[in-house]
Protein backbone atom coordinates (compact mmCIF):
# COMPACT_ATOMS: atom_id res chain seq x y z
CA UNK A 1 105.45 93.43 125.51
CA UNK A 2 108.12 95.38 123.74
CA UNK A 3 107.08 98.88 124.54
CA UNK A 4 106.97 97.76 127.98
CA UNK A 5 110.55 96.56 128.12
CA UNK A 6 111.97 100.08 126.14
CA UNK A 7 109.65 101.78 129.02
CA UNK A 8 111.32 99.94 131.62
CA UNK A 9 114.75 99.58 130.14
CA UNK A 10 115.01 103.04 128.98
CA UNK A 11 112.55 105.54 130.38
CA UNK A 12 114.36 106.38 133.42
CA UNK A 13 117.01 107.98 131.50
CA UNK A 14 116.44 111.44 130.67
CA UNK A 15 119.26 111.13 128.52
CA UNK A 16 116.58 109.07 125.84
CA UNK A 17 113.59 111.27 124.73
CA UNK A 18 110.47 110.03 123.36
CA UNK A 19 111.46 110.04 119.47
CA UNK A 20 115.07 107.70 120.02
CA UNK A 21 112.75 105.14 122.25
CA UNK A 22 110.26 104.98 119.39
CA UNK A 23 113.03 104.93 116.60
CA UNK A 24 114.94 101.92 119.16
CA UNK A 25 111.57 99.99 119.27
CA UNK A 26 111.01 100.29 115.33
CA UNK A 27 114.39 99.46 114.88
CA UNK A 28 115.48 97.05 117.34
CA UNK A 29 112.79 95.51 119.11
CA UNK A 30 110.79 94.14 116.30
CA UNK A 31 112.99 92.39 114.66
CA UNK A 32 113.69 90.21 118.32
CA UNK A 33 110.08 88.71 117.42
CA UNK A 34 110.47 87.80 114.38
CA UNK A 35 111.00 84.02 114.66
CA UNK A 36 107.31 84.25 116.32
CA UNK A 37 106.05 85.13 112.85
CA UNK A 38 106.31 81.59 111.13
CA UNK A 39 104.07 82.32 108.13
CA UNK A 40 105.56 83.94 104.94
CA UNK A 41 104.95 87.56 104.74
CA UNK A 42 105.77 91.38 103.07
CA UNK A 43 109.30 92.13 105.14
CA UNK A 44 112.26 94.54 104.17
CA UNK A 45 109.76 97.41 103.31
CA UNK A 46 112.94 99.80 102.99
CA UNK A 47 113.06 98.59 99.65
CA UNK A 48 109.36 99.96 98.90
CA UNK A 49 110.15 103.74 99.83
CA UNK A 50 110.85 104.59 96.22
CA UNK A 51 114.13 106.29 94.66
CA UNK A 52 114.29 109.41 92.12
CA UNK A 53 112.24 112.20 92.33
CA UNK A 54 110.92 111.90 88.87
CA UNK A 55 109.53 108.48 89.78
CA UNK A 56 108.10 110.04 93.44
CA UNK A 57 106.59 112.86 91.59
CA UNK A 58 104.62 110.79 89.44
CA UNK A 59 102.99 109.14 92.51
CA UNK A 60 105.19 105.90 92.14
CA UNK A 61 103.62 105.77 88.68
CA UNK A 62 106.56 104.51 87.09
CA UNK A 63 107.07 100.91 86.22
CA UNK A 64 106.72 101.55 82.30
CA UNK A 65 108.05 105.16 82.02
CA UNK A 66 111.52 104.10 83.84
CA UNK A 67 114.37 104.19 81.12
CA UNK A 68 116.93 105.61 83.25
CA UNK A 69 119.87 104.39 86.21
CA UNK A 70 117.08 104.18 88.61
CA UNK A 71 114.82 101.41 86.36
CA UNK A 72 117.64 99.15 88.50
CA UNK A 73 114.86 99.83 91.44
CA UNK A 74 111.78 99.98 89.21
CA UNK A 75 111.78 97.70 86.20
CA UNK A 76 115.43 95.77 85.58
CA UNK A 77 114.36 96.18 81.66
CA UNK A 78 114.00 100.15 81.70
CA UNK A 79 118.02 100.16 82.15
CA UNK A 80 117.88 100.14 78.50
CA UNK A 81 117.30 103.04 77.94
CA UNK A 82 119.82 105.10 79.56
CA UNK A 83 121.56 107.71 77.87
CA UNK A 84 125.09 107.88 77.09
CA UNK A 85 127.94 104.95 77.90
CA UNK A 86 127.44 105.52 81.62
CA UNK A 87 124.89 106.98 84.25
CA UNK A 88 124.86 107.69 87.37
CA UNK A 89 122.23 108.62 89.85
CA UNK A 90 121.84 109.62 93.59
CA UNK A 91 119.40 110.62 95.94
CA UNK A 92 119.19 111.61 99.75
CA UNK A 93 116.40 112.38 102.05
CA UNK A 94 115.75 112.57 105.41
CA UNK A 95 112.93 111.38 107.78
CA UNK A 96 111.89 111.87 111.54
CA UNK A 97 112.99 115.81 111.74
CA UNK A 98 116.66 114.34 110.45
CA UNK A 99 116.89 111.64 112.41
CA UNK A 100 116.19 108.50 109.97
CA UNK A 101 118.08 109.17 106.41
CA UNK A 102 117.70 107.64 103.21
CA UNK A 103 120.29 107.25 100.32
CA UNK A 104 120.81 105.67 96.91
CA UNK A 105 122.77 105.62 94.28
CA UNK A 106 123.24 103.91 91.49
CA UNK A 107 125.47 103.64 87.80
CA UNK A 108 124.33 101.83 84.60
CA UNK A 109 126.88 101.29 82.04
CA UNK A 110 125.72 99.68 78.24
CA UNK A 111 127.32 96.58 77.29
CA UNK A 112 126.44 96.72 73.75
CA UNK A 113 123.54 98.14 71.58
CA UNK A 114 121.20 95.31 73.11
CA UNK A 115 122.40 95.05 77.00
CA UNK A 116 122.83 97.05 80.19
CA UNK A 117 124.08 96.17 83.36
CA UNK A 118 123.46 97.79 86.51
CA UNK A 119 124.37 98.36 90.14
CA UNK A 120 122.24 99.91 92.74
CA UNK A 121 123.11 100.88 96.36
CA UNK A 122 120.20 101.35 99.35
CA UNK A 123 120.79 102.89 102.82
CA UNK A 124 118.03 103.53 105.21
CA UNK A 125 119.37 104.28 108.81
CA UNK A 126 119.56 105.61 112.00
CA UNK A 127 122.99 106.30 113.33
CA UNK A 128 124.11 107.63 116.81
CA UNK A 129 121.33 105.92 118.56
CA UNK A 130 122.24 106.12 122.58
CA UNK A 131 122.71 103.01 123.95
CA UNK A 132 121.72 103.44 128.10
CA UNK A 133 122.38 99.70 128.78
CA UNK A 134 125.02 100.35 131.33
CA UNK A 135 123.77 103.86 132.22
CA UNK A 136 123.47 102.99 135.84
CA UNK A 137 126.81 101.18 137.28
CA UNK A 138 126.45 98.24 139.69
CA UNK A 139 126.35 100.53 142.83
CA UNK A 140 123.37 102.16 141.47
CA UNK A 141 124.87 105.82 140.55
CA UNK A 142 123.58 107.39 137.07
CA UNK A 143 127.14 107.75 134.85
CA UNK A 144 126.37 109.27 131.78
CA UNK A 145 129.89 108.44 130.81
CA UNK A 146 128.85 104.87 130.54
CA UNK A 147 125.73 105.66 127.49
CA UNK A 148 127.97 104.39 123.93
CA UNK A 149 126.12 105.07 120.73
CA UNK A 150 125.17 102.21 117.98
CA UNK A 151 123.68 102.74 114.26
CA UNK A 152 120.32 100.54 112.71
CA UNK A 153 120.06 100.52 109.07
CA UNK A 154 119.15 98.32 106.10
CA UNK A 155 121.13 97.58 102.88
CA UNK A 156 120.78 96.29 99.50
CA UNK A 157 122.54 95.77 96.92
CA UNK A 158 120.99 95.19 93.35
CA UNK A 159 122.65 93.90 90.41
CA UNK A 160 120.82 94.12 87.29
CA UNK A 161 121.10 92.99 83.69
CA UNK A 162 118.85 93.90 81.14
CA UNK A 163 118.52 92.84 77.40
CA UNK A 164 116.69 93.34 74.23
CA UNK A 165 114.78 90.21 72.62
CA UNK A 166 114.49 89.09 68.99
CA UNK A 167 110.64 90.51 69.28
CA UNK A 168 110.60 94.31 68.54
CA UNK A 169 109.52 96.48 71.11
CA UNK A 170 110.32 93.66 73.99
CA UNK A 171 112.91 94.16 76.56
CA UNK A 172 113.73 92.12 79.81
CA UNK A 173 115.69 92.52 82.81
CA UNK A 174 116.66 91.06 86.36
CA UNK A 175 118.34 91.60 89.64
CA UNK A 176 119.84 89.93 91.81
CA UNK A 177 119.80 91.37 95.36
CA UNK A 178 121.57 91.17 98.62
CA UNK A 179 120.27 92.31 101.98
CA UNK A 180 122.17 93.63 104.74
CA UNK A 181 120.06 95.32 107.78
CA UNK A 182 121.95 95.46 111.30
CA UNK A 183 121.12 96.79 114.82
CA UNK A 184 124.46 98.02 116.15
CA UNK A 185 126.38 94.61 117.84
CA UNK A 186 123.16 92.98 118.52
CA UNK A 187 121.53 91.67 115.76
CA UNK A 188 122.09 91.58 112.00
CA UNK A 189 120.65 89.57 109.11
CA UNK A 190 121.73 88.74 105.58
CA UNK A 191 118.80 88.11 102.71
CA UNK A 192 119.46 87.30 98.91
CA UNK A 193 116.63 87.54 96.17
CA UNK A 194 115.28 87.93 92.66
CA UNK A 195 113.37 90.54 90.74
CA UNK A 196 112.45 90.34 87.12
CA UNK A 197 110.84 92.76 84.29
CA UNK A 198 109.88 93.59 81.21
CA UNK A 199 108.66 96.09 78.79
CA UNK A 200 107.02 96.22 75.33
CA UNK A 201 106.71 99.35 73.06
CA UNK A 202 103.58 99.31 70.58
CA UNK A 203 103.59 102.50 68.90
CA UNK A 204 103.42 105.35 71.53
CA UNK A 205 101.89 103.12 74.24
CA UNK A 206 104.12 101.35 76.80
CA UNK A 207 103.58 98.21 78.63
CA UNK A 208 105.05 96.50 81.63
CA UNK A 209 105.48 94.05 84.35
CA UNK A 210 107.73 93.67 87.15
CA UNK A 211 107.42 90.70 89.35
CA UNK A 212 109.48 90.99 92.87
CA UNK A 213 111.01 88.75 95.27
CA UNK A 214 109.90 86.11 92.43
CA UNK A 215 111.74 83.33 94.45
CA UNK A 216 110.42 84.54 97.64
CA UNK A 217 113.45 86.56 99.35
CA UNK A 218 114.31 85.07 102.76
CA UNK A 219 116.27 87.24 105.11
CA UNK A 220 118.16 85.00 108.00
CA UNK A 221 118.48 87.39 111.48
CA UNK A 222 121.00 85.96 113.89
CA UNK A 223 121.44 87.80 117.68
CA UNK A 224 124.62 88.56 119.31
CA UNK A 225 123.02 89.63 123.29
CA UNK A 226 125.59 90.96 125.82
CA UNK A 227 125.04 89.55 129.48
CA UNK A 228 123.94 93.01 130.85
CA UNK A 229 120.93 92.74 127.71
CA UNK A 230 120.24 89.47 128.58
CA UNK A 231 119.75 89.88 132.10
CA UNK A 232 117.72 93.21 131.26
CA UNK A 233 115.34 90.87 129.22
CA UNK A 234 115.28 88.54 132.11
CA UNK A 235 114.46 91.26 134.76
CA UNK A 236 111.53 92.66 132.10
CA UNK A 237 109.98 89.38 131.70
CA UNK A 238 110.80 89.50 128.00
CA UNK A 239 111.77 86.36 125.70
CA UNK A 240 115.30 86.36 124.57
CA UNK A 241 115.40 86.70 120.34
CA UNK A 242 116.51 83.38 118.64
CA UNK A 243 117.68 83.17 115.09
CA UNK A 244 115.53 83.22 112.77
CA UNK A 245 114.54 83.66 109.11
CA UNK A 246 111.92 85.97 107.40
CA UNK A 247 110.40 85.22 103.87
CA UNK A 248 109.13 87.82 101.81
CA UNK A 249 106.28 86.77 99.36
CA UNK A 250 106.35 87.78 95.56
CA UNK A 251 104.29 90.86 94.27
CA UNK A 252 103.41 92.17 91.12
CA UNK A 253 103.29 95.22 89.67
CA UNK A 254 101.59 95.82 86.31
CA UNK A 255 101.56 99.46 84.08
CA UNK A 256 100.68 100.85 81.12
CA UNK A 257 102.18 104.29 79.61
CA UNK A 258 101.19 106.69 76.89
CA UNK A 259 103.14 109.99 75.66
CA UNK A 260 101.56 112.22 73.57
CA UNK A 261 103.26 115.26 71.74
CA UNK A 262 101.92 118.57 70.68
CA UNK A 263 103.98 120.40 68.30
CA UNK A 264 107.71 119.42 68.18
CA UNK A 265 108.56 120.63 71.46
CA UNK A 266 105.85 119.67 74.08
CA UNK A 267 105.10 116.10 75.65
CA UNK A 268 102.47 114.47 77.82
CA UNK A 269 103.43 111.62 79.79
CA UNK A 270 100.64 109.21 81.23
CA UNK A 271 101.19 106.29 83.37
CA UNK A 272 98.58 103.83 85.58
CA UNK A 273 100.58 101.11 87.40
CA UNK A 274 98.60 98.70 90.02
CA UNK A 275 100.81 96.80 92.36
CA UNK A 276 99.71 93.56 93.72
CA UNK A 277 99.78 91.76 96.83
CA UNK A 278 99.02 88.16 97.47
CA UNK A 279 98.97 88.29 101.43
CA UNK A 280 95.15 88.57 102.14
CA UNK A 281 93.05 91.98 102.06
CA UNK A 282 94.66 94.59 102.32
CA UNK A 283 93.46 98.71 102.63
CA UNK A 284 93.42 99.04 98.92
CA UNK A 285 91.56 100.54 96.41
CA UNK A 286 90.94 97.21 94.97
CA UNK A 287 90.98 93.91 97.15
CA UNK A 288 89.48 90.50 97.55
CA UNK A 289 90.20 88.25 100.40
CA UNK A 290 93.38 86.56 98.65
CA UNK A 291 94.81 89.28 96.50
CA UNK A 292 94.49 93.45 96.77
CA UNK A 293 95.61 96.16 94.07
CA UNK A 294 97.42 99.12 95.00
CA UNK A 295 96.44 101.84 92.16
CA UNK A 296 98.95 104.53 90.86
CA UNK A 297 98.78 107.20 88.34
CA UNK A 298 100.94 109.69 86.94
CA UNK A 299 101.69 112.38 84.62
CA UNK A 300 104.45 114.33 83.49
CA UNK A 301 104.53 117.89 80.87
CA UNK A 302 108.25 118.15 79.07
CA UNK A 303 109.21 121.46 76.95
CA UNK A 304 111.92 120.82 74.84
CA UNK A 305 113.67 118.03 76.84
CA UNK A 306 114.54 120.45 79.23
CA UNK A 307 112.03 121.40 82.02
CA UNK A 308 109.44 119.00 83.07
CA UNK A 309 106.58 119.38 85.45
CA UNK A 310 104.76 116.11 87.35
CA UNK A 311 101.95 115.26 89.38
CA UNK A 312 100.96 111.70 90.74
CA UNK A 313 98.41 110.43 93.37
CA UNK A 314 99.14 106.87 95.59
CA UNK A 315 98.30 105.54 98.50
CA UNK A 316 94.44 105.76 98.03
CA UNK A 317 92.62 104.31 100.72
CA UNK A 318 89.20 104.24 102.83
CA UNK A 319 89.62 105.87 106.00
CA UNK A 320 87.13 106.75 108.88
CA UNK A 321 86.43 110.15 109.89
CA UNK A 322 85.38 111.26 113.72
CA UNK A 323 81.90 110.84 112.97
CA UNK A 324 82.68 106.91 111.71
CA UNK A 325 81.77 107.50 108.08
CA UNK A 326 84.17 105.78 105.55
CA UNK A 327 85.87 108.21 102.70
CA UNK A 328 88.65 107.73 100.23
CA UNK A 329 92.11 109.34 101.50
CA UNK A 330 94.62 109.59 98.65
CA UNK A 331 98.17 111.04 98.57
CA UNK A 332 99.06 113.84 95.95
CA UNK A 333 102.46 114.91 94.50
CA UNK A 334 103.56 117.18 92.58
CA UNK A 335 107.77 117.79 91.33
CA UNK A 336 109.74 119.27 88.48
CA UNK A 337 113.24 118.11 86.32
CA UNK A 338 115.56 119.99 84.80
CA UNK A 339 118.07 118.79 82.30
CA UNK A 340 121.11 121.13 81.93
CA UNK A 341 123.14 119.16 78.71
CA UNK A 342 124.19 115.81 80.82
CA UNK A 343 122.72 116.45 83.99
CA UNK A 344 119.28 116.02 85.38
CA UNK A 345 117.87 117.72 88.56
CA UNK A 346 114.77 116.57 89.93
CA UNK A 347 112.58 117.52 92.67
CA UNK A 348 109.51 116.17 94.32
CA UNK A 349 107.53 117.05 96.75
CA UNK A 350 105.07 114.30 98.49
CA UNK A 351 102.31 113.69 101.07
CA UNK A 352 101.23 117.44 100.04
CA UNK A 353 99.18 118.29 103.06
CA UNK A 354 99.56 115.81 105.09
CA UNK A 355 97.22 113.50 103.28
CA UNK A 356 98.84 110.24 104.60
CA UNK A 357 100.99 108.50 107.38
CA UNK A 358 103.93 108.48 104.65
CA UNK A 359 107.37 109.59 105.86
CA UNK A 360 108.88 111.42 103.62
CA UNK A 361 108.00 114.73 101.68
CA UNK A 362 111.07 116.73 99.95
CA UNK A 363 113.26 114.59 97.64
CA UNK A 364 116.07 115.78 95.63
CA UNK A 365 118.11 113.36 93.56
CA UNK A 366 120.87 113.70 90.52
CA UNK A 367 121.55 111.73 87.24
CA UNK A 368 124.87 112.08 85.25
CA UNK A 369 124.92 111.18 81.27
CA UNK A 370 128.84 110.07 80.90
CA UNK A 371 129.66 109.94 76.88
CA UNK A 372 132.89 108.97 75.55
CA UNK A 373 132.71 110.84 72.87
CA UNK A 374 130.41 113.16 73.97
CA UNK A 375 126.49 113.40 72.97
CA UNK A 376 125.71 112.82 69.62
């Protein structure tokens, strides 16, 4: 029904090409039927894209290893590992041949020797989407001057607090997140949720757990349609959207990491993570009727704390080939990093060989350490 609306509503316009119609369907029309889905589910999927080229190069296996400003996203407890008095991180990536853009910026500041605070901002959006609602005037004439544009964006702000506890090696942290999604002047949504995480060090082992949306994050949608849009929905046989609420189920990430040293300069970091969901059987490597687990494996080799080479695997799924034979499909990732004094430059090449339907490939990110009196 929704795609028929798109074809009927916009298909006559030569200005609105196929990629734009697909994106309009994805970002605009799908939320209009949220009210028909009453059961809790996993939503706000833009928060699952990931931040930081180091983590993506390691195949998302990062809940234990994270110890920088990106921990505000991966595991709040890891924020205690930031270098300097203030650390700033940023990332930009583009999808759909540059049509959609994903941006991240974060900052973390030490309060004292046992606590750190941070803030993270995420934006995924498509800008300058043509709105051809008024393309044809009342006399049936096509007037391209009547075309306007709008943006469809998903935004989130995460406020993080992390603290060491009295137990040696144990750190805990939490996020308060505020979500704002909007589609031009047609629809908007506000959401709120909580995340919690911990890390525990034992010798060179590090164990971690992150509970996302632990209170079941809710996102409330409201709609404001002009008369032209209302008439179009009526003419194409579609129901008008109603104000509604999405409920996002909790998910649990578990991780274990181990660091090895070879001589005085070479290090090897390995991590294994399990992303656990509880909405029924999914197409993951491990799954039951009520629980699914997505394994992630990451490696990082470092030299003198300056140069880093990374590799990882994730998105392990069973797929059927042209002969209807089932096989295991894996998404490989690689990456490199370079530290120049207080600046960290990371690059990741993900979805090598288009092994999955992932929406990203080349990712760059930066981190800056700011010291009051210079690094010690």
